[in-house]
């Protein structure tokens, strides 16, 4: 599903961009007090940054080694309703104390306050399980990253579907030199532990829904990467979620399921707000991001309380509402919005839970998981781009007049038909510095292939080449140098046909 993967592990330390705010505006309900995440412009002198830290008695809790996001705790500000006064206007961050005029104005790439992320699914599921048909799977490998409460790894429904990081044996060592030890099937970014073990059940239930979609479609080339970002109380932080997104990018995930979210009383701007920026970067790496629309029973287009990341206007997001069956009407708890929500899917599911058990749960979390499972099955049909898969899911719904942009309910067979109605588009990763420059030629070919690309930095990339029928011809890792690169693909001249970078 990818053309190439740039190994760019970026420990983004995140928050939500607050947008222009009024000093006396009320606190957004999910803000984590006193924590600011900020990314300065590269031209900002370090003495200026250090002086700002000193002025506000700021403690740098963490910092991303590559993209240089900084997580600060500011202890010297006079707090307004639990918050300092942050004003982000365009690219300018202003920090000031109550009653003062602007104290500091600095050019920043991204800034805002950390938020608490959570699932908010109803506790009393009711209704009927939807009767559905399932599209047949193809043969291409697909990796789905599930960012949630983790997984019960030994559950018999899930144990054979785990993604495995073969470069990281469980030996107590950081074999990849990425500051993570023994991240074999994923990682626990909530507790910073090697095993993403579920202590809540939400993640295990969501993963089970996705696996059911695989099994019902006959798929056997899909793996689940488990990334824990919330704890036993069903809550976590965007900080952990962004670290998980970065990990999914670095480890070549094809899709991300994010059955979580947070509320804000202020609109947020996607590419300036760090979570939105992280999702955008995932899209540059050909990753489709599927998220729940939330469970407040609100039209989030009109509501004064916003729900993210559902409302981010990004081309690689599918936001999912929930319907009840058999009526296919909007579930009473589900958020909706003709501008902010894309499709709907069943909200009730019977799936895996802790202690190797099974149970019913309902919510837009479950609807997102159904949609992720269908998207993964579509992705097993080789050569189609993330944009094509997203368009097929949104365009291939069963239209029933719902208050979402597609007006319809997820339908796997209609989505597959929509996907197959156009030819595959070989994709090019638009990762930072590659400038969409990858070329594979001559293609079609009756002999060896030459790959050329331009890169903005020195790094390592992973390349997989598939024949048009989906058969993997070659997989290798290459050193990519700053500037122009060329590589002669070393498979035999007897190979011929049309080839795709994935």
Protein backbone atom coordinates (compact mmCIF):
# COMPACT_ATOMS: atom_id res chain seq x y z
CA UNK A 1 0.00 0.00 0.00
CA UNK A 2 3.04 2.28 0.16
CA UNK A 3 5.55 3.46 -2.34
CA UNK A 4 8.26 3.91 0.24
CA UNK A 5 8.60 4.51 3.90
CA UNK A 6 10.95 7.09 5.27
CA UNK A 7 12.16 5.98 8.65
CA UNK A 8 11.56 9.22 10.47
CA UNK A 9 10.83 8.43 14.10
CA UNK A 10 9.74 11.72 15.50
CA UNK A 11 8.77 11.86 19.13
CA UNK A 12 6.24 14.66 18.77
CA UNK A 13 5.14 15.91 22.16
CA UNK A 14 1.69 17.09 21.63
CA UNK A 15 -1.23 19.19 22.37
CA UNK A 16 -4.04 20.89 20.73
CA UNK A 17 -3.57 24.24 19.11
CA UNK A 18 -5.85 26.63 20.89
CA UNK A 19 -6.50 29.10 18.12
CA UNK A 20 -7.16 32.74 18.89
CA UNK A 21 -8.82 32.89 22.32
CA UNK A 22 -10.23 35.51 24.61
CA UNK A 23 -8.60 35.96 27.98
CA UNK A 24 -11.78 35.33 29.92
CA UNK A 25 -13.00 32.48 27.75
CA UNK A 26 -13.87 29.33 29.70
CA UNK A 27 -11.49 26.44 29.95
CA UNK A 28 -11.91 23.67 27.36
CA UNK A 29 -13.12 20.60 29.21
CA UNK A 30 -10.22 18.28 28.37
CA UNK A 31 -7.22 20.57 28.88
CA UNK A 32 -4.33 19.38 31.00
CA UNK A 33 -3.41 22.35 33.14
CA UNK A 34 -0.06 24.11 32.95
CA UNK A 35 1.33 22.05 30.08
CA UNK A 36 2.31 23.82 26.89
CA UNK A 37 3.70 22.11 23.84
CA UNK A 38 5.56 24.36 21.50
CA UNK A 39 7.63 24.08 18.35
CA UNK A 40 9.67 27.18 17.62
CA UNK A 41 10.69 28.32 14.19
CA UNK A 42 14.16 26.93 13.36
CA UNK A 43 15.48 30.49 13.22
CA UNK A 44 14.61 31.18 16.88
CA UNK A 45 17.93 31.59 18.74
CA UNK A 46 18.46 29.21 21.64
CA UNK A 47 19.30 32.06 24.07
CA UNK A 48 15.84 33.53 23.33
CA UNK A 49 14.21 30.21 24.17
CA UNK A 50 16.25 29.84 27.36
CA UNK A 51 15.38 33.38 28.44
CA UNK A 52 11.68 32.63 27.97
CA UNK A 53 11.99 29.48 30.07
CA UNK A 54 13.71 31.43 32.80
CA UNK A 55 11.12 34.22 32.74
CA UNK A 56 8.26 31.81 33.34
CA UNK A 57 10.13 29.25 35.43
CA UNK A 58 9.35 26.73 32.70
CA UNK A 59 10.39 23.11 33.08
CA UNK A 60 11.01 21.19 29.89
CA UNK A 61 9.42 17.82 30.57
CA UNK A 62 10.37 16.28 27.26
CA UNK A 63 11.55 17.16 23.79
CA UNK A 64 11.33 15.43 20.44
CA UNK A 65 14.82 14.71 19.11
CA UNK A 66 14.05 15.31 15.42
CA UNK A 67 11.12 17.70 14.99
CA UNK A 68 12.00 19.59 18.16
CA UNK A 69 8.59 19.77 19.83
CA UNK A 70 8.98 20.80 23.46
CA UNK A 71 6.67 19.90 26.33
CA UNK A 72 6.82 22.64 28.95
CA UNK A 73 5.28 23.07 32.35
CA UNK A 74 4.85 26.77 33.17
CA UNK A 75 4.71 27.39 36.90
CA UNK A 76 5.19 31.17 37.18
CA UNK A 77 2.07 32.32 35.36
CA UNK A 78 -1.04 33.58 37.11
CA UNK A 79 -3.67 31.11 35.97
CA UNK A 80 -7.09 32.10 34.68
CA UNK A 81 -9.63 29.43 35.46
CA UNK A 82 -6.80 26.92 35.66
CA UNK A 83 -5.19 28.12 32.43
CA UNK A 84 -2.45 30.58 31.58
CA UNK A 85 -3.22 33.12 28.92
CA UNK A 86 -1.95 31.64 25.66
CA UNK A 87 -2.80 33.52 22.51
CA UNK A 88 -1.91 31.92 19.21
CA UNK A 89 -2.65 34.19 16.29
CA UNK A 90 -1.44 32.83 12.98
CA UNK A 91 2.16 31.85 13.65
CA UNK A 92 2.68 34.11 16.68
CA UNK A 93 2.48 32.85 20.25
CA UNK A 94 1.80 35.37 23.00
CA UNK A 95 2.16 34.40 26.67
CA UNK A 96 1.12 36.82 29.37
CA UNK A 97 -0.04 36.93 32.96
CA UNK A 98 -3.50 38.04 33.99
CA UNK A 99 -3.85 41.81 33.90
CA UNK A 100 -0.64 42.32 31.95
CA UNK A 101 -0.15 43.35 28.40
CA UNK A 102 1.61 40.94 26.07
CA UNK A 103 4.81 39.78 27.71
CA UNK A 104 6.36 37.69 24.94
CA UNK A 105 5.61 37.26 21.28
CA UNK A 106 7.54 34.62 19.36
CA UNK A 107 7.27 33.06 15.93
CA UNK A 108 6.25 29.42 16.29
CA UNK A 109 5.34 26.58 13.97
CA UNK A 110 2.91 24.99 16.41
CA UNK A 111 1.82 25.66 19.97
CA UNK A 112 -0.99 24.90 22.37
CA UNK A 113 -2.04 23.10 25.50
CA UNK A 114 -2.07 19.39 26.18
CA UNK A 115 -5.50 17.78 26.22
CA UNK A 116 -6.95 14.67 27.79
CA UNK A 117 -8.11 12.13 25.22
CA UNK A 118 -10.72 9.50 26.03
CA UNK A 119 -13.32 7.11 24.77
CA UNK A 120 -16.85 8.05 25.76
CA UNK A 121 -18.96 5.15 24.57
CA UNK A 122 -22.33 4.46 26.23
CA UNK A 123 -22.28 2.04 29.16
CA UNK A 124 -25.60 0.37 28.29
CA UNK A 125 -25.52 -0.99 24.73
CA UNK A 126 -28.87 -1.92 23.29
CA UNK A 127 -30.43 -2.69 19.95
CA UNK A 128 -29.64 -5.35 17.36
CA UNK A 129 -26.44 -6.38 15.60
CA UNK A 130 -26.58 -5.22 11.99
CA UNK A 131 -26.88 -7.85 9.26
CA UNK A 132 -24.05 -7.14 6.81
CA UNK A 133 -22.29 -8.54 3.76
CA UNK A 134 -18.53 -8.50 3.40
CA UNK A 135 -16.29 -7.71 0.40
CA UNK A 136 -13.74 -10.35 -0.64
CA UNK A 137 -10.14 -9.67 0.32
CA UNK A 138 -7.13 -9.38 -1.96
CA UNK A 139 -3.60 -10.61 -1.31
CA UNK A 140 -1.52 -7.57 -0.41
CA UNK A 141 -0.15 -7.23 3.15
CA UNK A 142 -1.72 -4.52 5.32
CA UNK A 143 -0.78 -3.28 8.80
CA UNK A 144 -3.41 -1.59 10.97
CA UNK A 145 -2.28 0.43 14.00
CA UNK A 146 -4.88 0.50 16.78
CA UNK A 147 -4.30 3.47 19.11
CA UNK A 148 -6.39 2.72 22.16
CA UNK A 149 -6.18 1.12 25.62
CA UNK A 150 -3.96 -1.72 24.41
CA UNK A 151 -4.83 -5.36 23.87
CA UNK A 152 -5.17 -8.61 25.78
CA UNK A 153 -2.39 -10.34 23.83
CA UNK A 154 -3.40 -13.90 24.68
CA UNK A 155 -7.05 -13.57 23.67
CA UNK A 156 -7.70 -16.48 21.26
CA UNK A 157 -9.62 -14.20 18.88
CA UNK A 158 -6.63 -11.89 18.53
CA UNK A 159 -3.43 -13.81 19.23
CA UNK A 160 -2.77 -14.86 15.64
CA UNK A 161 -3.31 -11.37 14.21
CA UNK A 162 -0.58 -9.43 16.04
CA UNK A 163 1.91 -7.42 14.02
CA UNK A 164 5.47 -8.36 14.99
CA UNK A 165 8.55 -6.18 15.07
CA UNK A 166 11.17 -8.75 14.16
CA UNK A 167 13.96 -6.23 14.68
CA UNK A 168 13.20 -6.08 18.40
CA UNK A 169 13.53 -9.41 20.25
CA UNK A 170 12.21 -9.49 23.80
CA UNK A 171 15.58 -9.35 25.53
CA UNK A 172 15.44 -6.24 27.68
CA UNK A 173 17.55 -4.25 25.21
CA UNK A 174 16.88 -1.32 22.91
CA UNK A 175 18.01 -3.15 19.78
CA UNK A 176 16.79 -0.47 17.38
CA UNK A 177 18.24 2.46 19.34
CA UNK A 178 14.86 4.23 19.34
CA UNK A 179 14.56 4.56 23.15
CA UNK A 180 11.95 1.78 23.21
CA UNK A 181 12.75 -1.61 24.69
CA UNK A 182 11.10 -4.87 23.55
CA UNK A 183 8.40 -3.23 21.41
CA UNK A 184 7.52 -6.54 19.79
CA UNK A 185 3.80 -6.16 18.99
CA UNK A 186 3.55 -2.41 19.58
CA UNK A 187 4.16 -0.24 22.64
CA UNK A 188 2.51 1.21 25.73
CA UNK A 189 2.94 4.98 25.35
CA UNK A 190 0.64 5.61 28.31
CA UNK A 191 2.90 3.91 30.87
CA UNK A 192 6.07 3.81 28.74
CA UNK A 193 6.21 0.02 28.93
CA UNK A 194 7.09 -2.61 26.36
CA UNK A 195 3.85 -4.60 26.39
CA UNK A 196 0.69 -2.66 25.39
CA UNK A 197 -1.43 -4.74 27.77
CA UNK A 198 -5.06 -3.67 28.03
CA UNK A 199 -6.26 -2.66 31.50
CA UNK A 200 -9.62 -1.31 30.37
CA UNK A 201 -11.08 -3.60 27.63
CA UNK A 202 -11.91 -0.88 25.09
CA UNK A 203 -8.86 -1.55 22.90
CA UNK A 204 -9.36 -5.31 23.00
CA UNK A 205 -12.99 -4.86 21.93
CA UNK A 206 -12.08 -2.49 19.09
CA UNK A 207 -9.32 -4.82 17.86
CA UNK A 208 -11.76 -7.73 17.92
CA UNK A 209 -14.22 -5.89 15.66
CA UNK A 210 -11.48 -5.18 13.13
CA UNK A 211 -10.37 -8.84 13.16
CA UNK A 212 -13.96 -9.99 12.62
CA UNK A 213 -14.05 -7.88 9.47
CA UNK A 214 -10.85 -9.56 8.27
CA UNK A 215 -12.12 -13.04 8.95
CA UNK A 216 -15.52 -12.43 7.36
CA UNK A 217 -13.81 -11.26 4.16
CA UNK A 218 -11.33 -14.12 3.98
CA UNK A 219 -8.32 -11.88 4.60
CA UNK A 220 -5.12 -13.50 5.84
CA UNK A 221 -2.53 -10.79 5.09
CA UNK A 222 -3.51 -8.20 7.71
CA UNK A 223 -1.70 -7.52 11.01
CA UNK A 224 -2.70 -5.39 14.01
CA UNK A 225 -0.13 -3.11 15.67
CA UNK A 226 -1.24 -2.32 19.23
CA UNK A 227 -0.36 1.14 20.57
CA UNK A 228 -1.61 2.02 24.04
CA UNK A 229 -2.50 5.67 24.70
CA UNK A 230 -5.20 5.48 27.41
CA UNK A 231 -5.30 3.76 30.79
CA UNK A 232 -7.66 1.77 32.98
CA UNK A 233 -9.96 4.77 33.47
CA UNK A 234 -10.46 5.15 29.71
CA UNK A 235 -8.41 8.36 29.57
CA UNK A 236 -4.98 9.36 28.39
CA UNK A 237 -3.28 12.34 26.78
CA UNK A 238 -2.70 13.59 23.31
CA UNK A 239 0.98 13.43 24.19
CA UNK A 240 0.78 9.62 24.24
CA UNK A 241 -1.45 9.54 21.16
CA UNK A 242 1.00 11.54 19.07
CA UNK A 243 3.90 9.36 20.11
CA UNK A 244 1.78 6.42 18.94
CA UNK A 245 1.09 8.08 15.59
CA UNK A 246 4.80 8.68 15.12
CA UNK A 247 5.51 5.05 15.89
CA UNK A 248 2.91 3.95 13.33
CA UNK A 249 4.59 6.15 10.73
CA UNK A 250 8.04 4.80 11.54
CA UNK A 251 6.87 1.19 11.44
CA UNK A 252 5.06 1.37 8.09
CA UNK A 253 1.44 1.13 9.21
CA UNK A 254 -1.11 1.50 6.42
CA UNK A 255 -4.12 2.53 8.51
CA UNK A 256 -4.68 3.94 11.99
CA UNK A 257 -7.83 3.30 14.02
CA UNK A 258 -8.40 6.05 16.58
CA UNK A 259 -11.60 5.30 18.50
CA UNK A 260 -10.82 8.16 20.87
CA UNK A 261 -11.24 11.91 20.97
CA UNK A 262 -11.45 15.05 23.06
CA UNK A 263 -13.67 18.10 23.35
CA UNK A 264 -12.74 21.73 23.04
CA UNK A 265 -14.85 24.86 23.40
CA UNK A 266 -12.69 26.47 20.72
CA UNK A 267 -12.21 25.56 17.09
CA UNK A 268 -8.76 24.18 16.32
CA UNK A 269 -6.69 24.52 13.14
CA UNK A 270 -5.47 21.15 11.93
CA UNK A 271 -1.97 21.80 10.54
CA UNK A 272 -1.06 24.33 13.25
CA UNK A 273 -2.27 22.14 16.10
CA UNK A 274 0.17 19.35 16.92
CA UNK A 275 -2.29 16.43 16.84
CA UNK A 276 -3.61 17.67 13.52
CA UNK A 277 -0.06 18.13 12.30
CA UNK A 278 0.79 14.56 13.30
CA UNK A 279 -2.25 13.17 11.45
CA UNK A 280 -1.30 15.29 8.44
CA UNK A 281 2.21 13.82 8.54
CA UNK A 282 0.70 10.34 8.67
CA UNK A 283 -1.16 11.21 5.48
CA UNK A 284 2.10 12.22 3.85
CA UNK A 285 3.22 8.65 4.52
CA UNK A 286 0.07 7.23 2.86
CA UNK A 287 -1.63 6.35 6.15
CA UNK A 288 -5.42 6.51 6.34
CA UNK A 289 -6.65 7.76 9.74
CA UNK A 290 -10.11 6.54 10.82
CA UNK A 291 -11.64 8.09 13.93
CA UNK A 292 -14.86 8.10 15.91
CA UNK A 293 -17.22 11.09 15.69
CA UNK A 294 -17.95 11.11 19.44
CA UNK A 295 -20.92 10.22 21.63
CA UNK A 296 -22.48 13.49 22.75
CA UNK A 297 -25.57 13.18 20.55
CA UNK A 298 -24.69 16.55 19.01
CA UNK A 299 -24.44 18.11 15.57
CA UNK A 300 -20.81 19.09 15.95
CA UNK A 301 -21.03 21.46 12.99
CA UNK A 302 -23.37 23.64 15.04
CA UNK A 303 -22.34 22.83 18.61
CA UNK A 304 -20.32 25.21 20.76
CA UNK A 305 -18.35 22.18 21.96
CA UNK A 306 -16.11 20.77 19.26
CA UNK A 307 -14.93 17.17 18.99
CA UNK A 308 -11.49 16.30 17.67
CA UNK A 309 -9.86 14.83 15.70
CA UNK A 310 -13.19 14.24 13.93
CA UNK A 311 -13.49 17.91 12.96
CA UNK A 312 -10.02 18.24 11.45
CA UNK A 313 -10.35 18.94 7.74
CA UNK A 314 -7.61 16.63 6.49
CA UNK A 315 -7.66 14.51 3.34
CA UNK A 316 -6.55 11.30 5.08
CA UNK A 317 -9.25 11.31 7.81
CA UNK A 318 -12.50 9.36 7.80
CA UNK A 319 -14.78 10.41 10.67
CA UNK A 320 -17.46 7.87 11.58
CA UNK A 321 -20.88 8.25 13.23
CA UNK A 322 -22.98 5.36 14.57
CA UNK A 323 -26.33 3.95 13.45
CA UNK A 324 -28.71 1.52 15.11
CA UNK A 325 -30.15 -1.51 13.39
CA UNK A 326 -32.25 -2.61 11.67
CA UNK A 327 -33.55 0.94 11.00
CA UNK A 328 -30.13 2.35 9.97
CA UNK A 329 -31.10 5.56 11.72
CA UNK A 330 -28.60 7.66 13.63
CA UNK A 331 -27.99 6.31 17.14
CA UNK A 332 -29.24 8.70 19.81
CA UNK A 333 -25.79 9.01 21.39
CA UNK A 334 -23.89 9.59 18.13
CA UNK A 335 -22.47 12.91 17.03
CA UNK A 336 -23.17 13.95 13.46
CA UNK A 337 -22.38 16.77 11.07
CA UNK A 338 -22.63 17.14 7.32
CA UNK A 339 -19.28 18.95 7.25
CA UNK A 340 -17.40 17.23 10.09
CA UNK A 341 -18.48 13.58 9.80
CA UNK A 342 -18.01 11.47 6.68
CA UNK A 343 -19.89 8.17 7.04
CA UNK A 344 -21.86 6.12 9.55
CA UNK A 345 -21.45 2.48 10.55
CA UNK A 346 -23.09 0.11 13.05
CA UNK A 347 -22.66 1.26 16.63
CA UNK A 348 -23.28 -2.06 18.40
CA UNK A 349 -20.78 -4.91 18.36
CA UNK A 350 -20.20 -8.23 20.09
CA UNK A 351 -16.45 -8.60 20.39
CA UNK A 352 -13.48 -9.66 22.49
CA UNK A 353 -12.94 -8.27 26.00
CA UNK A 354 -10.58 -8.94 28.90
CA UNK A 355 -10.20 -12.37 30.55
CA UNK A 356 -10.54 -14.02 27.12
CA UNK A 357 -14.20 -13.05 27.14
CA UNK A 358 -16.81 -11.60 24.82
CA UNK A 359 -19.28 -8.79 25.41
CA UNK A 360 -21.46 -6.16 23.75
CA UNK A 361 -20.34 -2.54 23.52
CA UNK A 362 -21.88 0.37 21.63
CA UNK A 363 -20.61 3.71 20.45
CA UNK A 364 -18.91 5.53 17.61
CA UNK A 365 -15.74 3.72 18.69
CA UNK A 366 -17.28 0.51 17.41
CA UNK A 367 -18.47 2.25 14.23
CA UNK A 368 -14.93 3.46 13.54
CA UNK A 369 -13.59 -0.08 14.05
CA UNK A 370 -16.07 -1.53 11.54
CA UNK A 371 -14.92 1.10 9.05
CA UNK A 372 -11.25 0.42 9.68
CA UNK A 373 -11.79 -3.29 9.10
CA UNK A 374 -13.48 -2.59 5.78
CA UNK A 375 -10.76 -0.13 4.74
CA UNK A 376 -8.09 -2.71 5.56
CA UNK A 377 -9.84 -5.32 3.42
CA UNK A 378 -9.99 -2.84 0.55
CA UNK A 379 -6.29 -2.13 1.03
CA UNK A 380 -5.47 -5.80 0.45
CA UNK A 381 -6.34 -5.15 -3.20
CA UNK A 382 -2.94 -4.08 -4.42
CA UNK A 383 -1.92 -0.75 -5.82
CA UNK A 384 -4.75 1.52 -4.71
CA UNK A 385 -3.87 4.77 -3.00
CA UNK A 386 -5.08 6.01 0.38
CA UNK A 387 -7.13 8.66 -1.41
CA UNK A 388 -8.79 6.04 -3.60
CA UNK A 389 -9.68 3.87 -0.60
CA UNK A 390 -11.06 6.85 1.33
CA UNK A 391 -13.09 8.02 -1.65
CA UNK A 392 -14.43 4.51 -2.23
CA UNK A 393 -15.63 4.15 1.37
CA UNK A 394 -17.30 7.57 1.40
CA UNK A 395 -18.67 7.26 -2.13
CA UNK A 396 -19.74 3.64 -1.80
CA UNK A 397 -22.19 4.01 1.09
CA UNK A 398 -25.80 2.91 1.28
CA UNK A 399 -27.50 6.30 1.16
CA UNK A 400 -30.24 6.65 3.77
CA UNK A 401 -30.33 10.41 4.32
CA UNK A 402 -28.14 10.58 7.44
CA UNK A 403 -26.74 13.92 8.69
CA UNK A 404 -23.18 13.12 7.55
CA UNK A 405 -21.39 14.27 4.40
CA UNK A 406 -22.02 11.02 2.48
CA UNK A 407 -25.58 10.73 3.84
CA UNK A 408 -25.01 7.00 4.13
CA UNK A 409 -23.96 3.87 5.97
CA UNK A 410 -20.77 1.87 5.40
CA UNK A 411 -21.23 -0.85 2.77
CA UNK A 412 -18.17 -2.96 2.05
CA UNK A 413 -19.34 -4.40 -1.25
CA UNK A 414 -20.39 -1.03 -2.63
CA UNK A 415 -17.07 0.44 -1.46
CA UNK A 416 -15.12 -2.33 -3.22
CA UNK A 417 -17.12 -1.80 -6.41
CA UNK A 418 -16.37 1.92 -6.23
CA UNK A 419 -12.68 1.17 -5.70
CA UNK A 420 -12.51 -1.23 -8.63
CA UNK A 421 -14.25 1.23 -10.94
CA UNK A 422 -10.95 3.05 -11.48
CA UNK A 423 -7.45 1.68 -12.09
CA UNK A 424 -4.90 1.53 -9.28
CA UNK A 425 -2.77 4.62 -8.89
CA UNK A 426 0.83 3.77 -7.93
CA UNK A 427 1.56 5.98 -4.97
CA UNK A 428 4.47 8.14 -4.00
CA UNK A 429 5.19 8.86 -0.37
CA UNK A 430 5.30 12.60 0.23
CA UNK A 431 7.41 12.30 3.36
CA UNK A 432 9.34 15.40 4.37
CA UNK A 433 12.17 16.01 1.94
CA UNK A 434 11.23 13.45 -0.72
CA UNK A 435 9.32 16.08 -2.68
CA UNK A 436 7.09 13.44 -4.37
CA UNK A 437 10.12 12.68 -6.52
CA UNK A 438 10.17 8.88 -6.60
CA UNK A 439 10.23 7.40 -10.08
CA UNK A 440 10.35 3.73 -11.06
CA UNK A 441 11.12 3.16 -14.74
CA UNK A 442 10.86 1.83 -17.36
CA UNK A 443 7.42 0.77 -16.15
CA UNK A 444 5.96 -1.47 -17.55
CA UNK A 445 9.29 -3.20 -17.90
CA UNK A 446 10.73 -6.24 -19.61
CA UNK A 447 13.93 -6.11 -17.62
CA UNK A 448 15.66 -4.41 -14.68
CA UNK A 449 14.10 -1.33 -13.12
CA UNK A 450 15.78 1.89 -12.10
CA UNK A 451 14.49 3.92 -9.15
CA UNK A 452 15.35 7.59 -8.82
CA UNK A 453 14.44 10.06 -6.10
CA UNK A 454 15.49 13.31 -4.49
CA UNK A 455 15.81 13.55 -0.70
CA UNK A 456 16.25 16.52 1.59
CA UNK A 457 18.23 14.64 4.23
CA UNK A 458 20.27 11.52 4.97
CA UNK A 459 18.08 8.65 6.16
CA UNK A 460 17.13 5.03 5.61
CA UNK A 461 14.07 4.04 3.58
CA UNK A 462 12.21 0.77 3.11
CA UNK A 463 11.14 -0.20 -0.42
CA UNK A 464 8.78 -2.98 -1.41
CA UNK A 465 8.09 -3.69 -5.09
CA UNK A 466 5.00 -5.66 -6.09
CA UNK A 467 3.92 -6.99 -9.46
CA UNK A 468 0.53 -5.81 -10.65
CA UNK A 469 -1.08 -9.03 -9.40
CA UNK A 470 0.06 -8.28 -5.88
CA UNK A 471 3.00 -10.67 -5.69
CA UNK A 472 5.92 -9.26 -3.71
CA UNK A 473 8.92 -9.12 -6.04
CA UNK A 474 11.46 -7.41 -3.81
CA UNK A 475 11.72 -5.91 -0.33
CA UNK A 476 14.82 -4.09 0.86
CA UNK A 477 16.12 -1.17 2.90
CA UNK A 478 18.20 1.51 1.25
CA UNK A 479 20.44 4.32 2.36
CA UNK A 480 18.96 7.57 1.06
CA UNK A 481 21.33 10.52 0.88
CA UNK A 482 20.66 14.23 0.73
CA UNK A 483 20.27 15.16 -2.94
CA UNK A 484 19.64 12.96 -5.96
CA UNK A 485 19.63 9.17 -5.51
CA UNK A 486 19.59 6.31 -8.02
CA UNK A 487 19.19 2.59 -7.43
CA UNK A 488 19.21 -0.35 -9.84
CA UNK A 489 16.64 -2.90 -8.67
CA UNK A 490 18.55 -6.18 -8.57
CA UNK A 491 15.84 -8.71 -9.40
CA UNK A 492 16.36 -10.91 -12.50
CA UNK A 493 15.74 -9.60 -16.00
CA UNK A 494 13.23 -12.43 -16.47
CA UNK A 495 10.77 -10.40 -14.35
CA UNK A 496 8.46 -8.37 -16.58
CA UNK A 497 5.21 -6.45 -16.32
CA UNK A 498 3.83 -3.46 -14.44
CA UNK A 499 5.27 -2.83 -10.99
CA UNK A 500 4.18 -0.83 -7.92
CA UNK A 501 6.18 0.64 -5.08
CA UNK A 502 4.46 -0.15 -1.78
